[in-house]
Amino acid sequence: MRKTNSTNFLNETDLVENCGMFYTLSIIGGRWKVGILASLLDNDRLRYSEIKGKLKNITERMLIKQLKELQEAGLIVRMDYREVPPRVEYSISDKGKSLESILLTLQRWGKMNRNS
């Protein structure tokens, strides 16, 4: 964690608050978030173990962290069913669905430019 008065922290805060593109990338950036969002866009809802199965090599700690961050950003919804054994499902929110065209554009761009 960076000091809140460091130049790096202040620059990042300014960019997130004033640049839409930087804000978007700060929310979906990282190795696993796009994969989680893509999995939930392709499926109505998924249980934790189903998401983990779709993302090879992700650790449990990292998956939990990424799911919490996406939930806090309002991109996914966590449904906790109060039953025994416990059941939790995740689905994409309307805000998360609004990223679909952006993610598809990123996918097309990556396919076209991967080997360039």
C-alpha atoms as a PDB file:
ATOM      1  CA  MET A   1       0.000   0.000   0.000  1.00  0.00           C
ATOM      2  CA  ARG A   2       1.308   3.403  -0.989  1.00  0.00           C
ATOM      3  CA  LYS A   3       1.436   6.465   1.176  1.00  0.00           C
ATOM      4  CA  THR A   4      -1.622   8.624   0.542  1.00  0.00           C
ATOM      5  CA  ASN A   5       0.514  11.729   0.162  1.00  0.00           C
ATOM      6  CA  SER A   6       3.005  10.240  -2.325  1.00  0.00           C
ATOM      7  CA  THR A   7       3.203  11.723  -5.812  1.00  0.00           C
ATOM      8  CA  ASN A   8       2.449   8.335  -7.348  1.00  0.00           C
ATOM      9  CA  PHE A   9      -0.732   7.927  -5.283  1.00  0.00           C
ATOM     10  CA  LEU A  10      -1.870  11.501  -5.982  1.00  0.00           C
ATOM     11  CA  ASN A  11      -1.277  11.099  -9.735  1.00  0.00           C
ATOM     12  CA  GLU A  12      -3.235   7.848  -9.837  1.00  0.00           C
ATOM     13  CA  THR A  13      -6.088   9.373  -7.830  1.00  0.00           C
ATOM     14  CA  ASP A  14      -6.232  12.357 -10.184  1.00  0.00           C
ATOM     15  CA  LEU A  15      -6.301  10.106 -13.265  1.00  0.00           C
ATOM     16  CA  VAL A  16      -9.026   7.835 -11.852  1.00  0.00           C
ATOM     17  CA  GLU A  17     -11.183  10.818 -10.928  1.00  0.00           C
ATOM     18  CA  ASN A  18     -10.686  12.767 -14.169  1.00  0.00           C
ATOM     19  CA  CYS A  19     -10.066  10.283 -16.975  1.00  0.00           C
ATOM     20  CA  GLY A  20     -12.822   7.864 -17.981  1.00  0.00           C
ATOM     21  CA  MET A  21     -10.444   5.493 -19.731  1.00  0.00           C
ATOM     22  CA  PHE A  22      -8.101   5.303 -16.750  1.00  0.00           C
ATOM     23  CA  TYR A  23     -11.074   4.741 -14.420  1.00  0.00           C
ATOM     24  CA  THR A  24     -12.320   1.866 -16.596  1.00  0.00           C
ATOM     25  CA  LEU A  25      -8.888   0.248 -16.745  1.00  0.00           C
ATOM     26  CA  SER A  26      -8.445   0.615 -12.980  1.00  0.00           C
ATOM     27  CA  ILE A  27     -11.701  -1.319 -12.450  1.00  0.00           C
ATOM     28  CA  ILE A  28     -11.154  -4.152 -14.953  1.00  0.00           C
ATOM     29  CA  GLY A  29      -7.352  -4.209 -14.918  1.00  0.00           C
ATOM     30  CA  GLY A  30      -5.328  -7.112 -13.675  1.00  0.00           C
ATOM     31  CA  ARG A  31      -4.831 -10.668 -14.757  1.00  0.00           C
ATOM     32  CA  TRP A  32      -8.154 -12.204 -13.713  1.00  0.00           C
ATOM     33  CA  LYS A  33     -10.976  -9.650 -13.724  1.00  0.00           C
ATOM     34  CA  VAL A  34     -11.622  -9.732 -17.466  1.00  0.00           C
ATOM     35  CA  GLY A  35     -11.758 -13.541 -17.337  1.00  0.00           C
ATOM     36  CA  ILE A  36     -14.251 -13.452 -14.473  1.00  0.00           C
ATOM     37  CA  LEU A  37     -16.400 -10.898 -16.297  1.00  0.00           C
ATOM     38  CA  ALA A  38     -16.235 -12.889 -19.554  1.00  0.00           C
ATOM     39  CA  SER A  39     -17.261 -16.077 -17.739  1.00  0.00           C
ATOM     40  CA  LEU A  40     -20.233 -14.334 -16.165  1.00  0.00           C
ATOM     41  CA  LEU A  41     -21.237 -12.689 -19.450  1.00  0.00           C
ATOM     42  CA  ASP A  42     -21.306 -16.160 -21.051  1.00  0.00           C
ATOM     43  CA  ASN A  43     -23.340 -17.702 -18.203  1.00  0.00           C
ATOM     44  CA  ASP A  44     -26.413 -16.520 -16.365  1.00  0.00           C
ATOM     45  CA  ARG A  45     -24.885 -17.233 -12.974  1.00  0.00           C
ATOM     46  CA  LEU A  46     -21.997 -19.265 -11.686  1.00  0.00           C
ATOM     47  CA  ARG A  47     -20.985 -20.727  -8.378  1.00  0.00           C
ATOM     48  CA  TYR A  48     -17.544 -19.981  -6.956  1.00  0.00           C
ATOM     49  CA  SER A  49     -16.223 -23.433  -7.918  1.00  0.00           C
ATOM     50  CA  GLU A  50     -17.468 -23.013 -11.503  1.00  0.00           C
ATOM     51  CA  ILE A  51     -15.637 -19.698 -11.861  1.00  0.00           C
ATOM     52  CA  LYS A  52     -12.500 -21.239 -10.380  1.00  0.00           C
ATOM     53  CA  GLY A  53     -12.767 -24.109 -12.872  1.00  0.00           C
ATOM     54  CA  LYS A  54     -12.899 -21.694 -15.790  1.00  0.00           C
ATOM     55  CA  LEU A  55      -9.800 -19.775 -14.652  1.00  0.00           C
ATOM     56  CA  LYS A  56      -6.922 -22.207 -14.671  1.00  0.00           C
ATOM     57  CA  ASN A  57      -4.137 -21.517 -12.164  1.00  0.00           C
ATOM     58  CA  ILE A  58      -5.915 -18.805 -10.156  1.00  0.00           C
ATOM     59  CA  THR A  59      -5.401 -19.200  -6.432  1.00  0.00           C
ATOM     60  CA  GLU A  60      -8.351 -19.205  -4.056  1.00  0.00           C
ATOM     61  CA  ARG A  61      -7.038 -16.100  -2.330  1.00  0.00           C
ATOM     62  CA  MET A  62      -6.763 -14.198  -5.614  1.00  0.00           C
ATOM     63  CA  LEU A  63     -10.194 -15.316  -6.833  1.00  0.00           C
ATOM     64  CA  ILE A  64     -11.814 -14.174  -3.593  1.00  0.00           C
ATOM     65  CA  LYS A  65      -9.992 -10.831  -3.819  1.00  0.00           C
ATOM     66  CA  GLN A  66     -10.965 -10.243  -7.455  1.00  0.00           C
ATOM     67  CA  LEU A  67     -14.605 -11.208  -6.844  1.00  0.00           C
ATOM     68  CA  LYS A  68     -14.797  -8.786  -3.909  1.00  0.00           C
ATOM     69  CA  GLU A  69     -13.293  -5.964  -5.967  1.00  0.00           C
ATOM     70  CA  LEU A  70     -15.689  -6.580  -8.857  1.00  0.00           C
ATOM     71  CA  GLN A  71     -18.595  -6.697  -6.421  1.00  0.00           C
ATOM     72  CA  GLU A  72     -17.500  -3.442  -4.743  1.00  0.00           C
ATOM     73  CA  ALA A  73     -17.267  -1.819  -8.191  1.00  0.00           C
ATOM     74  CA  GLY A  74     -20.844  -2.902  -8.873  1.00  0.00           C
ATOM     75  CA  LEU A  75     -19.911  -5.093 -11.846  1.00  0.00           C
ATOM     76  CA  ILE A  76     -21.061  -8.401 -10.356  1.00  0.00           C
ATOM     77  CA  VAL A  77     -23.716  -9.462  -7.886  1.00  0.00           C
ATOM     78  CA  ARG A  78     -23.111 -12.020  -5.134  1.00  0.00           C
ATOM     79  CA  MET A  79     -26.158 -14.047  -4.133  1.00  0.00           C
ATOM     80  CA  ASP A  80     -25.801 -15.819  -0.815  1.00  0.00           C
ATOM     81  CA  TYR A  81     -28.407 -18.529  -0.314  1.00  0.00           C
ATOM     82  CA  ARG A  82     -28.977 -19.242   3.358  1.00  0.00           C
ATOM     83  CA  GLU A  83     -29.088 -23.012   3.182  1.00  0.00           C
ATOM     84  CA  VAL A  84     -27.097 -26.020   4.288  1.00  0.00           C
ATOM     85  CA  PRO A  85     -24.670 -26.636   2.729  1.00  0.00           C
ATOM     86  CA  PRO A  86     -24.034 -22.964   1.950  1.00  0.00           C
ATOM     87  CA  ARG A  87     -24.448 -21.881  -1.660  1.00  0.00           C
ATOM     88  CA  VAL A  88     -23.145 -18.686  -3.238  1.00  0.00           C
ATOM     89  CA  GLU A  89     -23.693 -17.685  -6.852  1.00  0.00           C
ATOM     90  CA  TYR A  90     -22.336 -14.781  -8.860  1.00  0.00           C
ATOM     91  CA  SER A  91     -23.938 -13.008 -11.786  1.00  0.00           C
ATOM     92  CA  ILE A  92     -23.108  -9.994 -13.874  1.00  0.00           C
ATOM     93  CA  SER A  93     -24.864  -6.755 -12.975  1.00  0.00           C
ATOM     94  CA  ASP A  94     -26.373  -4.311 -15.458  1.00  0.00           C
ATOM     95  CA  LYS A  95     -23.305  -2.130 -14.959  1.00  0.00           C
ATOM     96  CA  GLY A  96     -21.106  -5.138 -15.732  1.00  0.00           C
ATOM     97  CA  LYS A  97     -23.170  -5.975 -18.832  1.00  0.00           C
ATOM     98  CA  SER A  98     -22.509  -2.475 -20.109  1.00  0.00           C
ATOM     99  CA  LEU A  99     -18.830  -3.500 -20.506  1.00  0.00           C
ATOM    100  CA  GLU A 100     -19.651  -6.311 -22.944  1.00  0.00           C
ATOM    101  CA  SER A 101     -19.055  -4.346 -26.144  1.00  0.00           C
ATOM    102  CA  ILE A 102     -15.797  -2.951 -24.738  1.00  0.00           C
ATOM    103  CA  LEU A 103     -14.557  -6.419 -23.807  1.00  0.00           C
ATOM    104  CA  LEU A 104     -15.499  -7.815 -27.228  1.00  0.00           C
ATOM    105  CA  THR A 105     -13.630  -4.952 -28.905  1.00  0.00           C
ATOM    106  CA  LEU A 106     -10.571  -5.687 -26.758  1.00  0.00           C
ATOM    107  CA  GLN A 107     -10.827  -9.365 -27.715  1.00  0.00           C
ATOM    108  CA  ARG A 108     -10.987  -8.569 -31.453  1.00  0.00           C
ATOM    109  CA  TRP A 109      -8.079  -6.156 -31.191  1.00  0.00           C
ATOM    110  CA  GLY A 110      -6.004  -8.756 -29.354  1.00  0.00           C
ATOM    111  CA  LYS A 111      -6.703 -11.439 -31.971  1.00  0.00           C
ATOM    112  CA  MET A 112      -5.780  -9.072 -34.810  1.00  0.00           C
ATOM    113  CA  ASN A 113      -2.586  -7.788 -33.187  1.00  0.00           C
ATOM    114  CA  ARG A 114      -1.303 -10.708 -31.114  1.00  0.00           C
ATOM    115  CA  ASN A 115       1.296 -11.832 -33.656  1.00  0.00           C
ATOM    116  CA  SER A 116       2.098  -8.445 -35.198  1.00  0.00           C
END
